[in-house]
Amino acid sequence: MSLILGIFTKTGKRDSSTFKKMFESFTLKEERPSEIIEHGPLKIVQIYGNSLFTKSIMADTICVVSGRIYNMPPYFSSNNFMNNPCQPILEAYFKQGTSLFRQTDGEFSCIFYNQLRNELIIANDTWGLYPLYYLDTPDYFIFCNEYEPLTVFPNVLKHLDYFALNSYFQYGTVLNESTFFEQIKSLPPASVLKISGNGFNITSYYEHKINTLTHINAEEAATHIAYLFKQAVQKRVEFFRNKIDTLLSGGADTRLILSCLNKSQRENLDFYTFLTPPLSSHEDEDGIIAGDIAQINKLNHHYKNFDFWEKPFGEDYFKEKRKRIGKYYLSGHFGSEILKLELFKALDEMFLKLSRNELTKTVQPIFNNKITNILETRDWTYDLPNNNSHNDENRLMVFLTDRLCRSFFTRTWQGSRSIYFEQPTYMQHIFITPFLDKDLLSFIFSLPISLLGIGANKVYNLLFKNHFPEFTNIETNSPLADDIDSVFKKSRKGYVTYINRSYNYEPALKSLLSDVCIRERYSSVFLNKITKPELASLRQSFIDFEIWQKSLSC
């Protein structure tokens, strides 16, 4: 696994001084060890973390893989694939072309460059889980798994994309391939980006044609989910050669993962529980319950403080999080969002009823008149997945998961805090979750929404009752225990963790409200009312975005 920063020189010679600040930003001034790969006009800087060696050259074509690929072409041995995943991927590319990605499972960015044809090809995974941002200029095409390095390229115009900013405030997410800066784009899921000569095009190698399974019942759904989930867990553990640290909480999601680990894996893996300061392991409800699970099962269990909640929220928050990339955890992130459909809380019901133009031309009354006029006079659209292959609810599930993976509903997830650019970069590089498995997602998206049911938790309960009953006798702080027919008992031990998960926003808000640039962007009505309780969600989005933007210039 690695992060990459790539520079493809389209014309003339590459001027190293032009990219000095980008390299410094990417390597955090060499705090993160890196390797440089050069092949003709292509230069790639790799940051490894705990990655494998990820490049290979054959027939004048170089292949570089960033991220994780869990399967391989059937004609290669597992050992060869684990030692250097690029070699079998490159050989498969010569046999199948970019169609190989239809059967490739993982979260990745894959780069091919052929010097004879002067052709650069970039592909990402099916759901776009592994972020890749790009910047196209007359002389260079620049791409990176992190957003921040692209913002310090000398010739980038930091013009805000007000349509992206409006959708962020309206829906908690940025639509399409847009980002907050007009020049910087995000590669859509299942894409192949091809550069030949001075131009480039993007095509899709996979279409999400998911037909709803109307005749399946809850027991059948739980049986197949159990099979897919166990596969997903094992693929990820084996990728890290049975040496990945695993999170353990008081909830249901992490014990579902634990249920899928064999005896040897449980004995050899280290398990971690993050405590919420100032609570100790004897006060934090996650710490108490996880400690019980670990003691009963004789796990190698450790506690860590999640120290971000102890500090005032500011620019350093985003810098500190980037420094932590390179330490990976197998986690239960997005379990309730996917299996309990909590992701539907991210948007209200009106989203389904709006036409494209109504959806994309809605303007939050928070900007000044100049920006509002821009938003109202230009047409811009977002395409939901094709109606022919989804009913309305399943169509929206695909959309929401796309944005959950590649963006962040900053006002939705209780106890979490992050924003659009940090979310994919930080979450996908730190937390390895089987709940975003390609095959698992495809199956869940085929289920009727009425079967899963928001808040019903029927399938999730059946998973534990019929397939993973091992830990159901241990109390949990999961909302699953609130159901009448739940297999769990509710824990009453310790303090409720999420109540203590709050940041000190006051210094950040105070500094923003005194900033002249802020008053030029937002309406005085909005800024005068921003401290009101009814604007709490918009206030958090406002602070998130503006502090993130300040962190780029510091």
Protein backbone atom coordinates (compact mmCIF):
# COMPACT_ATOMS: atom_id res chain seq x y z
CA MET A 1 0.00 0.00 0.00
CA SER A 2 1.26 3.46 -0.82
CA LEU A 3 0.35 7.01 -1.68
CA ILE A 4 1.48 8.45 -4.99
CA LEU A 5 2.09 11.86 -6.47
CA GLY A 6 2.55 11.72 -10.25
CA ILE A 7 3.76 14.32 -12.75
CA PHE A 8 3.40 13.68 -16.45
CA THR A 9 5.24 16.20 -18.61
CA LYS A 10 3.29 16.85 -21.80
CA THR A 11 5.62 19.37 -23.44
CA GLY A 12 9.24 20.44 -22.99
CA LYS A 13 11.41 19.51 -20.03
CA ARG A 14 10.31 19.10 -16.45
CA ASP A 15 11.47 21.94 -14.21
CA SER A 16 12.25 20.40 -10.82
CA SER A 17 12.01 23.72 -9.00
CA THR A 18 8.38 24.04 -10.09
CA PHE A 19 7.43 21.02 -7.99
CA LYS A 20 9.50 21.65 -4.89
CA LYS A 21 6.58 22.81 -2.75
CA MET A 22 4.44 19.92 -3.97
CA PHE A 23 7.08 17.39 -2.94
CA GLU A 24 7.47 19.07 0.43
CA SER A 25 3.72 19.00 1.00
CA PHE A 26 3.43 15.36 -0.08
CA THR A 27 6.33 14.07 2.01
CA LEU A 28 5.58 16.50 4.87
CA LYS A 29 9.07 17.92 4.38
CA GLU A 30 10.53 14.38 4.29
CA GLU A 31 8.85 13.25 7.52
CA ARG A 32 7.29 10.48 5.40
CA PRO A 33 9.88 8.28 3.61
CA SER A 34 9.51 8.25 -0.16
CA GLU A 35 10.86 6.73 -3.34
CA ILE A 36 11.05 8.40 -6.76
CA ILE A 37 10.21 6.45 -9.92
CA GLU A 38 11.05 8.02 -13.30
CA HIS A 39 10.16 6.62 -16.70
CA GLY A 40 10.52 9.08 -19.57
CA PRO A 41 8.25 12.08 -18.99
CA LEU A 42 6.54 10.37 -16.05
CA LYS A 43 7.76 10.98 -12.51
CA ILE A 44 6.08 9.37 -9.52
CA VAL A 45 6.82 9.91 -5.86
CA GLN A 46 5.67 7.03 -3.65
CA ILE A 47 5.14 7.13 0.08
CA TYR A 48 5.12 3.63 1.42
CA GLY A 49 3.87 3.49 4.96
CA ASN A 50 3.59 -0.29 5.45
CA SER A 51 3.25 -1.03 1.76
CA LEU A 52 4.63 -3.68 -0.50
CA PHE A 53 7.02 -2.90 -3.34
CA THR A 54 4.62 -1.65 -5.99
CA LYS A 55 6.20 -1.10 -9.39
CA SER A 56 7.08 -3.28 -12.34
CA ILE A 57 8.42 -2.66 -15.86
CA MET A 58 7.75 -4.89 -18.88
CA ALA A 59 7.84 -4.27 -22.65
CA ASP A 60 8.65 -0.61 -22.10
CA THR A 61 5.55 -0.21 -19.92
CA ILE A 62 5.75 0.72 -16.26
CA CYS A 63 3.04 -0.24 -13.78
CA VAL A 64 2.62 1.41 -10.37
CA VAL A 65 -0.10 0.40 -7.91
CA SER A 66 -1.23 2.51 -4.99
CA GLY A 67 -3.65 1.02 -2.52
CA ARG A 68 -4.82 -2.56 -1.99
CA ILE A 69 -5.76 -5.29 -4.47
CA TYR A 70 -7.24 -8.36 -2.82
CA ASN A 71 -7.49 -10.74 -5.74
CA MET A 72 -5.35 -11.54 -8.78
CA PRO A 73 -5.64 -13.02 -12.25
CA PRO A 74 -6.25 -16.79 -11.84
CA TYR A 75 -3.08 -17.78 -13.69
CA PHE A 76 -0.71 -16.34 -11.08
CA SER A 77 0.40 -17.82 -7.80
CA SER A 78 -0.49 -16.13 -4.52
CA ASN A 79 3.17 -15.80 -3.49
CA ASN A 80 4.16 -13.95 -6.66
CA PHE A 81 1.21 -11.62 -6.27
CA MET A 82 1.99 -10.80 -2.64
CA ASN A 83 5.69 -10.23 -3.33
CA ASN A 84 5.00 -7.75 -6.13
CA PRO A 85 1.36 -7.19 -7.10
CA CYS A 86 2.35 -5.02 -10.05
CA GLN A 87 3.92 -7.88 -12.02
CA PRO A 88 0.75 -9.99 -12.42
CA ILE A 89 -1.35 -6.86 -12.88
CA LEU A 90 0.96 -5.69 -15.68
CA GLU A 91 0.90 -9.11 -17.35
CA ALA A 92 -2.89 -9.23 -17.06
CA TYR A 93 -3.04 -5.76 -18.60
CA PHE A 94 -1.16 -7.02 -21.68
CA LYS A 95 -3.62 -9.92 -21.97
CA GLN A 96 -6.90 -8.16 -21.20
CA GLY A 97 -6.35 -4.42 -21.41
CA THR A 98 -8.33 -2.25 -19.01
CA SER A 99 -11.15 -4.84 -18.90
CA LEU A 100 -9.10 -6.60 -16.20
CA PHE A 101 -10.40 -4.03 -13.70
CA ARG A 102 -13.96 -5.37 -13.99
CA GLN A 103 -12.84 -8.43 -12.04
CA THR A 104 -10.29 -6.71 -9.81
CA ASP A 105 -11.32 -6.39 -6.17
CA GLY A 106 -9.79 -3.77 -3.91
CA GLU A 107 -9.26 -0.09 -3.23
CA PHE A 108 -6.56 1.21 -5.55
CA SER A 109 -5.15 3.57 -8.12
CA CYS A 110 -3.30 1.78 -10.93
CA ILE A 111 -0.90 3.61 -13.28
CA PHE A 112 0.40 2.34 -16.64
CA TYR A 113 2.77 4.29 -18.86
CA ASN A 114 4.06 3.12 -22.26
CA GLN A 115 7.02 5.19 -23.41
CA LEU A 116 6.91 4.06 -27.05
CA ARG A 117 3.32 5.25 -27.45
CA ASN A 118 3.75 8.07 -24.92
CA GLU A 119 0.51 6.89 -23.38
CA LEU A 120 -0.50 7.26 -19.71
CA ILE A 121 -3.42 5.27 -18.30
CA ILE A 122 -4.82 5.70 -14.79
CA ALA A 123 -7.54 3.44 -13.39
CA ASN A 124 -9.24 3.32 -10.02
CA ASP A 125 -11.38 0.76 -8.20
CA THR A 126 -15.03 -0.01 -8.92
CA TRP A 127 -16.51 2.17 -6.18
CA GLY A 128 -13.81 4.85 -6.24
CA LEU A 129 -12.89 4.07 -2.65
CA TYR A 130 -9.23 4.98 -3.07
CA PRO A 131 -9.18 8.70 -3.87
CA LEU A 132 -7.29 10.14 -6.81
CA TYR A 133 -7.29 13.85 -7.61
CA TYR A 134 -5.88 15.40 -10.77
CA LEU A 135 -4.86 18.76 -12.22
CA ASP A 136 -4.51 19.33 -15.97
CA THR A 137 -2.34 22.19 -17.23
CA PRO A 138 -0.92 22.96 -20.70
CA ASP A 139 2.49 21.55 -19.74
CA TYR A 140 1.73 18.96 -17.05
CA PHE A 141 -0.83 16.45 -15.94
CA ILE A 142 -0.52 16.00 -12.15
CA PHE A 143 -2.32 13.40 -10.04
CA CYS A 144 -2.22 12.42 -6.39
CA ASN A 145 -4.00 10.30 -3.76
CA GLU A 146 -3.97 13.35 -1.49
CA TYR A 147 -5.57 16.67 -2.28
CA GLU A 148 -3.26 19.06 -0.45
CA PRO A 149 -0.12 18.72 -2.64
CA LEU A 150 -2.05 19.79 -5.74
CA THR A 151 -3.08 23.05 -4.11
CA VAL A 152 0.53 24.25 -3.83
CA PHE A 153 1.40 23.76 -7.51
CA PRO A 154 2.64 27.25 -8.54
CA ASN A 155 0.29 27.66 -11.50
CA VAL A 156 -2.90 26.34 -9.92
CA LEU A 157 -5.64 28.94 -9.71
CA LYS A 158 -7.31 28.71 -6.33
CA HIS A 159 -10.67 29.75 -7.69
CA LEU A 160 -13.43 28.31 -5.55
CA ASP A 161 -16.01 26.21 -7.32
CA TYR A 162 -19.12 27.84 -5.89
CA PHE A 163 -21.36 25.09 -7.26
CA ALA A 164 -19.34 22.53 -5.32
CA LEU A 165 -19.41 24.75 -2.25
CA ASN A 166 -23.17 25.17 -2.51
CA SER A 167 -23.80 21.42 -2.82
CA TYR A 168 -21.54 20.90 0.19
CA PHE A 169 -23.66 23.21 2.32
CA GLN A 170 -26.91 21.94 0.80
CA TYR A 171 -26.28 18.20 0.97
CA GLY A 172 -23.12 17.81 3.04
CA THR A 173 -21.21 16.58 0.01
CA VAL A 174 -19.71 17.71 -3.29
CA LEU A 175 -21.40 16.33 -6.41
CA ASN A 176 -19.86 14.91 -9.58
CA GLU A 177 -16.08 14.92 -9.96
CA SER A 178 -15.93 18.48 -8.63
CA THR A 179 -13.84 19.64 -5.69
CA PHE A 180 -13.80 22.99 -3.92
CA PHE A 181 -11.25 24.36 -6.42
CA GLU A 182 -12.34 24.61 -10.06
CA GLN A 183 -9.09 23.30 -11.53
CA ILE A 184 -8.73 20.21 -9.33
CA LYS A 185 -10.97 17.22 -10.08
CA SER A 186 -11.70 13.87 -8.45
CA LEU A 187 -11.53 10.74 -10.63
CA PRO A 188 -15.03 9.14 -10.73
CA PRO A 189 -15.48 5.49 -9.66
CA ALA A 190 -14.62 2.67 -12.11
CA SER A 191 -12.76 5.05 -14.41
CA VAL A 192 -9.98 4.71 -16.94
CA LEU A 193 -8.26 8.02 -17.64
CA LYS A 194 -6.13 7.95 -20.80
CA ILE A 195 -3.63 10.60 -21.87
CA SER A 196 -2.16 10.40 -25.34
CA GLY A 197 -0.52 13.45 -26.87
CA ASN A 198 -1.87 16.65 -25.37
CA GLY A 199 -5.41 15.49 -24.64
CA PHE A 200 -7.08 13.04 -22.29
CA ASN A 201 -10.40 11.27 -21.93
CA ILE A 202 -12.17 9.37 -19.17
CA THR A 203 -14.23 6.25 -19.78
CA SER A 204 -16.01 3.90 -17.38
CA TYR A 205 -15.08 0.20 -17.32
CA TYR A 206 -17.99 -0.89 -15.10
CA GLU A 207 -21.66 0.06 -15.00
CA HIS A 208 -23.59 -0.50 -11.78
CA LYS A 209 -26.54 -2.39 -13.23
CA ILE A 210 -28.04 -3.78 -10.06
CA ASN A 211 -31.42 -5.45 -10.32
CA THR A 212 -33.47 -5.55 -7.14
CA LEU A 213 -34.03 -9.08 -5.78
CA THR A 214 -37.76 -8.93 -5.11
CA HIS A 215 -38.29 -12.55 -3.97
CA ILE A 216 -35.53 -12.87 -1.35
CA ASN A 217 -36.43 -13.03 2.36
CA ALA A 218 -34.49 -11.74 5.37
CA GLU A 219 -33.05 -15.13 6.34
CA GLU A 220 -31.73 -15.73 2.83
CA ALA A 221 -30.25 -12.25 2.69
CA ALA A 222 -28.51 -12.71 6.05
CA THR A 223 -27.05 -16.05 4.92
CA HIS A 224 -25.48 -14.59 1.81
CA ILE A 225 -24.27 -11.44 3.60
CA ALA A 226 -22.60 -13.67 6.22
CA TYR A 227 -20.75 -15.56 3.48
CA LEU A 228 -19.64 -12.39 1.68
CA PHE A 229 -18.65 -10.62 4.87
CA LYS A 230 -16.43 -13.46 6.09
CA GLN A 231 -14.73 -13.50 2.69
CA ALA A 232 -14.25 -9.73 2.90
CA VAL A 233 -12.62 -9.96 6.33
CA GLN A 234 -10.29 -12.79 5.30
CA LYS A 235 -9.21 -11.03 2.09
CA ARG A 236 -8.12 -8.01 4.06
CA VAL A 237 -6.35 -9.91 6.82
CA GLU A 238 -4.49 -12.06 4.28
CA PHE A 239 -3.47 -8.98 2.28
CA PHE A 240 -1.63 -7.71 5.35
CA ARG A 241 -0.21 -11.20 5.91
CA ASN A 242 -2.12 -11.66 9.17
CA LYS A 243 -0.32 -8.68 10.73
CA ILE A 244 -2.91 -5.92 10.68
CA ASP A 245 -4.01 -4.34 13.96
CA THR A 246 -7.74 -4.66 14.57
CA LEU A 247 -10.13 -2.28 16.28
CA LEU A 248 -12.40 -3.53 19.05
CA SER A 249 -15.27 -1.44 20.43
CA GLY A 250 -18.36 -2.02 22.50
CA GLY A 251 -20.58 -2.07 19.43
CA ALA A 252 -21.71 -4.74 17.00
CA ASP A 253 -19.59 -3.98 13.94
CA THR A 254 -16.16 -4.90 15.35
CA ARG A 255 -17.41 -8.10 17.00
CA LEU A 256 -18.82 -9.14 13.63
CA ILE A 257 -15.26 -8.88 12.31
CA LEU A 258 -13.90 -10.78 15.31
CA SER A 259 -16.38 -13.58 14.63
CA CYS A 260 -14.84 -14.03 11.16
CA LEU A 261 -11.26 -14.47 12.45
CA ASN A 262 -9.92 -17.97 12.98
CA LYS A 263 -8.19 -19.16 16.16
CA SER A 264 -4.67 -18.47 14.88
CA GLN A 265 -5.57 -14.94 13.76
CA ARG A 266 -7.14 -14.12 17.11
CA GLU A 267 -4.02 -15.30 18.89
CA ASN A 268 -1.59 -13.38 16.70
CA LEU A 269 -3.37 -10.11 15.92
CA ASP A 270 -3.28 -7.08 18.23
CA PHE A 271 -6.61 -5.47 19.12
CA TYR A 272 -7.01 -1.79 19.96
CA THR A 273 -9.75 0.25 21.60
CA PHE A 274 -9.70 4.03 21.20
CA LEU A 275 -10.73 5.82 24.37
CA THR A 276 -12.41 9.20 24.40
CA PRO A 277 -10.53 11.63 26.68
CA PRO A 278 -10.86 12.37 29.50
CA LEU A 279 -12.41 8.93 30.09
CA SER A 280 -10.21 6.06 31.27
CA SER A 281 -10.57 2.41 30.25
CA HIS A 282 -12.72 1.88 33.36
CA GLU A 283 -15.03 4.80 32.49
CA ASP A 284 -15.34 4.70 28.70
CA GLU A 285 -18.19 2.36 27.71
CA ASP A 286 -16.29 1.18 24.62
CA GLY A 287 -13.25 0.49 26.79
CA ILE A 288 -15.23 -1.49 29.38
CA ILE A 289 -17.13 -3.68 26.91
CA ALA A 290 -14.12 -4.27 24.64
CA GLY A 291 -12.09 -5.19 27.72
CA ASP A 292 -14.67 -7.84 28.62
CA ILE A 293 -14.57 -9.31 25.11
CA ALA A 294 -10.77 -9.32 25.10
CA GLN A 295 -10.50 -10.95 28.52
CA ILE A 296 -12.97 -13.74 27.72
CA ASN A 297 -11.22 -14.51 24.43
CA LYS A 298 -7.66 -13.92 25.68
CA LEU A 299 -6.92 -11.34 22.98
CA ASN A 300 -3.80 -9.17 22.78
CA HIS A 301 -5.70 -6.02 23.72
CA HIS A 302 -4.47 -2.44 24.06
CA TYR A 303 -6.00 0.98 24.76
CA LYS A 304 -5.22 4.23 22.94
CA ASN A 305 -6.43 7.75 23.60
CA PHE A 306 -8.09 9.52 20.69
CA ASP A 307 -6.38 12.78 21.46
CA PHE A 308 -8.00 15.00 18.80
CA TRP A 309 -10.90 15.71 21.14
CA GLU A 310 -8.54 17.21 23.71
CA LYS A 311 -7.37 20.05 21.46
CA PRO A 312 -9.11 23.18 20.14
CA PHE A 313 -10.18 22.63 16.54
CA GLY A 314 -7.96 24.47 14.07
CA GLU A 315 -5.61 24.21 11.09
CA ASP A 316 -3.32 21.76 12.90
CA TYR A 317 -6.13 19.20 13.00
CA PHE A 318 -5.76 18.45 9.29
CA LYS A 319 -1.95 18.46 9.36
CA GLU A 320 -1.82 16.06 12.31
CA LYS A 321 -4.16 13.62 10.62
CA ARG A 322 -1.98 13.47 7.52
CA LYS A 323 1.02 12.61 9.68
CA ARG A 324 -0.76 9.51 10.96
CA ILE A 325 -1.23 7.88 7.57
CA GLY A 326 0.81 4.68 7.42
CA LYS A 327 -0.67 2.97 10.47
CA TYR A 328 -3.54 0.70 9.44
CA TYR A 329 -6.43 -0.80 11.37
CA LEU A 330 -9.00 -3.39 10.38
CA SER A 331 -12.16 -1.64 11.48
CA GLY A 332 -15.95 -1.75 11.52
CA HIS A 333 -16.34 1.69 9.97
CA PHE A 334 -19.54 2.17 7.93
CA GLY A 335 -21.17 -0.99 9.31
CA SER A 336 -24.34 0.69 10.51
CA GLU A 337 -24.35 3.08 7.55
CA ILE A 338 -24.43 0.13 5.13
CA LEU A 339 -26.19 -2.73 6.93
CA LYS A 340 -28.65 -0.61 8.91
CA LEU A 341 -29.11 1.98 6.16
CA GLU A 342 -28.16 4.89 8.37
CA LEU A 343 -26.65 6.45 5.28
CA PHE A 344 -30.23 7.35 4.33
CA LYS A 345 -30.19 9.90 7.14
CA ALA A 346 -27.61 11.80 5.12
CA LEU A 347 -30.25 13.28 2.83
CA ASP A 348 -33.90 13.89 3.47
CA GLU A 349 -36.74 12.48 1.40
CA MET A 350 -36.95 15.51 -0.87
CA PHE A 351 -33.77 14.33 -2.60
CA LEU A 352 -35.68 11.53 -4.34
CA LYS A 353 -38.42 13.86 -5.50
CA LEU A 354 -36.31 16.62 -7.02
CA SER A 355 -35.57 16.73 -10.73
CA ARG A 356 -31.95 17.18 -11.75
CA ASN A 357 -32.33 20.89 -12.37
CA GLU A 358 -34.26 21.44 -9.15
CA LEU A 359 -31.68 19.45 -7.23
CA THR A 360 -28.66 21.26 -8.56
CA LYS A 361 -30.03 24.80 -8.72
CA THR A 362 -31.19 24.94 -5.12
CA VAL A 363 -29.16 27.63 -3.39
CA GLN A 364 -28.48 27.85 0.32
CA PRO A 365 -29.25 31.40 1.47
CA ILE A 366 -25.87 31.84 3.07
CA PHE A 367 -23.75 33.47 0.36
CA ASN A 368 -23.47 37.10 -0.62
CA ASN A 369 -25.46 38.39 -3.60
CA LYS A 370 -22.58 38.08 -6.05
CA ILE A 371 -22.14 34.34 -5.45
CA THR A 372 -25.89 33.72 -5.27
CA ASN A 373 -26.33 35.31 -8.70
CA ILE A 374 -23.64 33.05 -10.16
CA LEU A 375 -25.36 29.96 -8.76
CA GLU A 376 -28.79 30.96 -10.03
CA THR A 377 -27.77 31.82 -13.57
CA ARG A 378 -25.67 28.80 -14.56
CA ASP A 379 -27.09 25.34 -15.19
CA TRP A 380 -25.23 22.44 -13.60
CA THR A 381 -26.41 18.90 -13.09
CA TYR A 382 -25.71 15.64 -11.30
CA ASP A 383 -26.73 12.31 -12.79
CA LEU A 384 -28.07 9.72 -10.39
CA PRO A 385 -27.51 6.12 -11.53
CA ASN A 386 -29.65 4.95 -14.45
CA ASN A 387 -33.36 4.50 -13.68
CA ASN A 388 -33.50 1.38 -15.83
CA SER A 389 -31.28 -0.62 -13.48
CA HIS A 390 -32.50 0.58 -10.08
CA ASN A 391 -35.71 1.42 -8.36
CA ASP A 392 -35.63 4.84 -6.73
CA GLU A 393 -34.49 3.63 -3.31
CA ASN A 394 -31.69 1.41 -4.59
CA ARG A 395 -30.61 4.11 -6.99
CA LEU A 396 -30.23 6.47 -4.05
CA MET A 397 -28.28 3.83 -2.08
CA VAL A 398 -25.67 3.71 -4.82
CA PHE A 399 -25.46 7.50 -4.85
CA LEU A 400 -25.18 7.78 -1.08
CA THR A 401 -22.50 5.11 -0.83
CA ASP A 402 -20.55 6.75 -3.62
CA ARG A 403 -20.53 9.99 -1.65
CA LEU A 404 -19.92 8.19 1.65
CA CYS A 405 -16.81 6.57 0.21
CA ARG A 406 -15.49 9.47 -1.82
CA SER A 407 -16.81 12.38 0.22
CA PHE A 408 -18.18 12.97 3.68
CA PHE A 409 -21.57 13.92 5.01
CA THR A 410 -20.04 16.21 7.54
CA ARG A 411 -23.30 16.99 9.34
CA THR A 412 -24.59 13.42 9.60
CA TRP A 413 -22.46 10.93 11.47
CA GLN A 414 -22.74 11.40 15.20
CA GLY A 415 -19.41 11.34 16.99
CA SER A 416 -17.43 11.73 13.75
CA ARG A 417 -15.95 14.86 12.33
CA SER A 418 -14.22 15.24 9.06
CA ILE A 419 -14.77 16.98 5.74
CA TYR A 420 -14.76 16.22 2.06
CA PHE A 421 -11.06 16.27 1.32
CA GLU A 422 -9.82 14.75 4.52
CA GLN A 423 -12.36 11.94 4.66
CA PRO A 424 -11.26 9.77 1.72
CA THR A 425 -7.61 10.55 2.26
CA TYR A 426 -7.59 9.82 5.96
CA MET A 427 -10.28 7.17 6.33
CA GLN A 428 -9.30 4.97 3.39
CA HIS A 429 -5.59 5.15 4.27
CA ILE A 430 -6.05 4.39 7.96
CA PHE A 431 -9.15 2.24 8.45
CA ILE A 432 -9.54 -0.91 6.37
CA THR A 433 -13.22 -1.89 6.52
CA PRO A 434 -14.83 -5.04 5.08
CA PHE A 435 -18.18 -3.23 4.99
CA LEU A 436 -17.07 -1.48 1.78
CA ASP A 437 -16.19 -4.74 0.04
CA LYS A 438 -17.04 -4.69 -3.67
CA ASP A 439 -19.06 -7.93 -3.71
CA LEU A 440 -20.79 -7.19 -0.40
CA LEU A 441 -21.91 -3.74 -1.54
CA SER A 442 -23.17 -5.07 -4.87
CA PHE A 443 -25.33 -7.64 -3.09
CA ILE A 444 -26.68 -5.24 -0.47
CA PHE A 445 -27.63 -2.77 -3.20
CA SER A 446 -29.73 -5.50 -4.83
CA LEU A 447 -31.87 -5.97 -1.70
CA PRO A 448 -35.25 -4.26 -1.36
CA ILE A 449 -35.06 -1.31 1.00
CA SER A 450 -38.19 -2.62 2.73
CA LEU A 451 -36.28 -5.79 3.63
CA LEU A 452 -33.43 -3.96 5.30
CA GLY A 453 -35.60 -1.18 6.65
CA ILE A 454 -34.30 1.97 8.28
CA GLY A 455 -34.08 1.26 11.99
CA ALA A 456 -35.56 -2.24 11.67
CA ASN A 457 -32.16 -3.96 11.89
CA LYS A 458 -33.79 -7.28 11.00
CA VAL A 459 -31.08 -8.58 8.69
CA TYR A 460 -28.30 -7.37 10.99
CA ASN A 461 -29.85 -9.20 13.95
CA LEU A 462 -30.26 -12.35 11.86
CA LEU A 463 -26.58 -12.19 10.96
CA PHE A 464 -25.67 -12.60 14.62
CA LYS A 465 -28.50 -14.96 15.54
CA ASN A 466 -28.06 -17.46 12.70
CA HIS A 467 -24.41 -17.09 11.66
CA PHE A 468 -22.28 -15.26 14.26
CA PRO A 469 -23.81 -15.97 17.69
CA GLU A 470 -20.46 -16.26 19.48
CA PHE A 471 -20.47 -12.83 21.13
CA THR A 472 -24.19 -12.21 21.52
CA ASN A 473 -24.04 -13.10 25.22
CA ILE A 474 -21.79 -10.08 25.88
CA GLU A 475 -23.59 -6.80 26.44
CA THR A 476 -23.21 -4.06 23.82
CA ASN A 477 -23.69 -0.32 23.48
CA SER A 478 -24.96 -0.85 19.92
CA PRO A 479 -28.44 0.50 19.06
CA LEU A 480 -29.16 -3.07 17.91
CA ALA A 481 -29.79 -3.90 21.56
CA ASP A 482 -32.71 -1.44 21.63
CA ASP A 483 -34.81 -3.62 19.33
CA ILE A 484 -37.54 -5.74 20.89
CA ASP A 485 -36.35 -8.88 19.12
CA SER A 486 -32.62 -8.12 19.48
CA VAL A 487 -30.16 -10.93 20.20
CA PHE A 488 -28.17 -8.50 22.38
CA LYS A 489 -28.59 -7.02 25.83
CA LYS A 490 -27.92 -3.32 26.31
CA SER A 491 -24.88 -2.42 28.37
CA ARG A 492 -25.29 0.10 31.17
CA LYS A 493 -21.62 0.27 32.04
CA GLY A 494 -19.52 3.42 31.89
CA TYR A 495 -20.18 6.74 30.22
CA VAL A 496 -21.78 7.02 26.79
CA THR A 497 -18.77 7.63 24.58
CA TYR A 498 -20.20 9.90 21.89
CA ILE A 499 -21.42 12.45 24.44
CA ASN A 500 -17.75 13.19 25.21
CA ARG A 501 -16.79 13.35 21.52
CA SER A 502 -16.99 17.07 21.01
CA TYR A 503 -14.51 19.65 19.83
CA ASN A 504 -13.81 23.12 21.06
CA TYR A 505 -14.98 25.11 18.04
CA GLU A 506 -15.20 28.50 19.74
CA PRO A 507 -11.65 29.78 18.98
CA ALA A 508 -12.02 28.74 15.32
CA LEU A 509 -15.43 30.35 14.95
CA LYS A 510 -14.26 33.56 16.59
CA SER A 511 -11.27 33.88 14.26
CA LEU A 512 -13.40 33.19 11.17
CA LEU A 513 -16.03 35.78 12.02
CA SER A 514 -13.33 38.45 12.25
CA ASP A 515 -11.86 37.53 8.85
CA VAL A 516 -12.52 40.07 6.07
CA CYS A 517 -12.50 37.36 3.36
CA ILE A 518 -15.26 35.49 5.16
CA ARG A 519 -17.50 38.55 5.11
CA GLU A 520 -16.89 38.92 1.38
CA ARG A 521 -18.11 35.37 0.72
CA TYR A 522 -21.09 34.91 3.04
CA SER A 523 -24.19 37.01 3.62
CA SER A 524 -24.30 39.22 6.69
CA VAL A 525 -27.65 37.64 7.64
CA PHE A 526 -26.08 34.19 7.78
CA LEU A 527 -22.99 35.32 9.71
CA ASN A 528 -25.12 37.23 12.23
CA LYS A 529 -27.26 34.15 12.89
CA ILE A 530 -24.54 31.49 12.75
CA THR A 531 -24.38 31.03 16.52
CA LYS A 532 -28.10 30.23 16.73
CA PRO A 533 -29.01 26.64 17.68
CA GLU A 534 -31.10 26.13 14.52
CA LEU A 535 -27.97 26.67 12.39
CA ALA A 536 -25.83 24.12 14.27
CA SER A 537 -25.35 21.78 11.29
CA LEU A 538 -24.51 24.60 8.87
CA ARG A 539 -22.19 26.11 11.48
CA GLN A 540 -20.14 22.89 11.64
CA SER A 541 -19.93 22.70 7.84
CA PHE A 542 -18.91 26.35 7.73
CA ILE A 543 -16.12 25.87 10.31
CA ASP A 544 -14.93 22.61 8.71
CA PHE A 545 -14.59 24.11 5.26
CA GLU A 546 -13.08 27.44 6.19
CA ILE A 547 -10.53 26.02 8.65
CA TRP A 548 -9.57 23.36 6.11
CA GLN A 549 -9.03 26.08 3.52
CA LYS A 550 -6.92 28.10 5.96
CA SER A 551 -4.79 25.01 6.63
CA LEU A 552 -3.81 24.92 2.94
CA SER A 553 -2.21 28.34 3.07
CA CYS A 554 -0.43 27.95 6.41
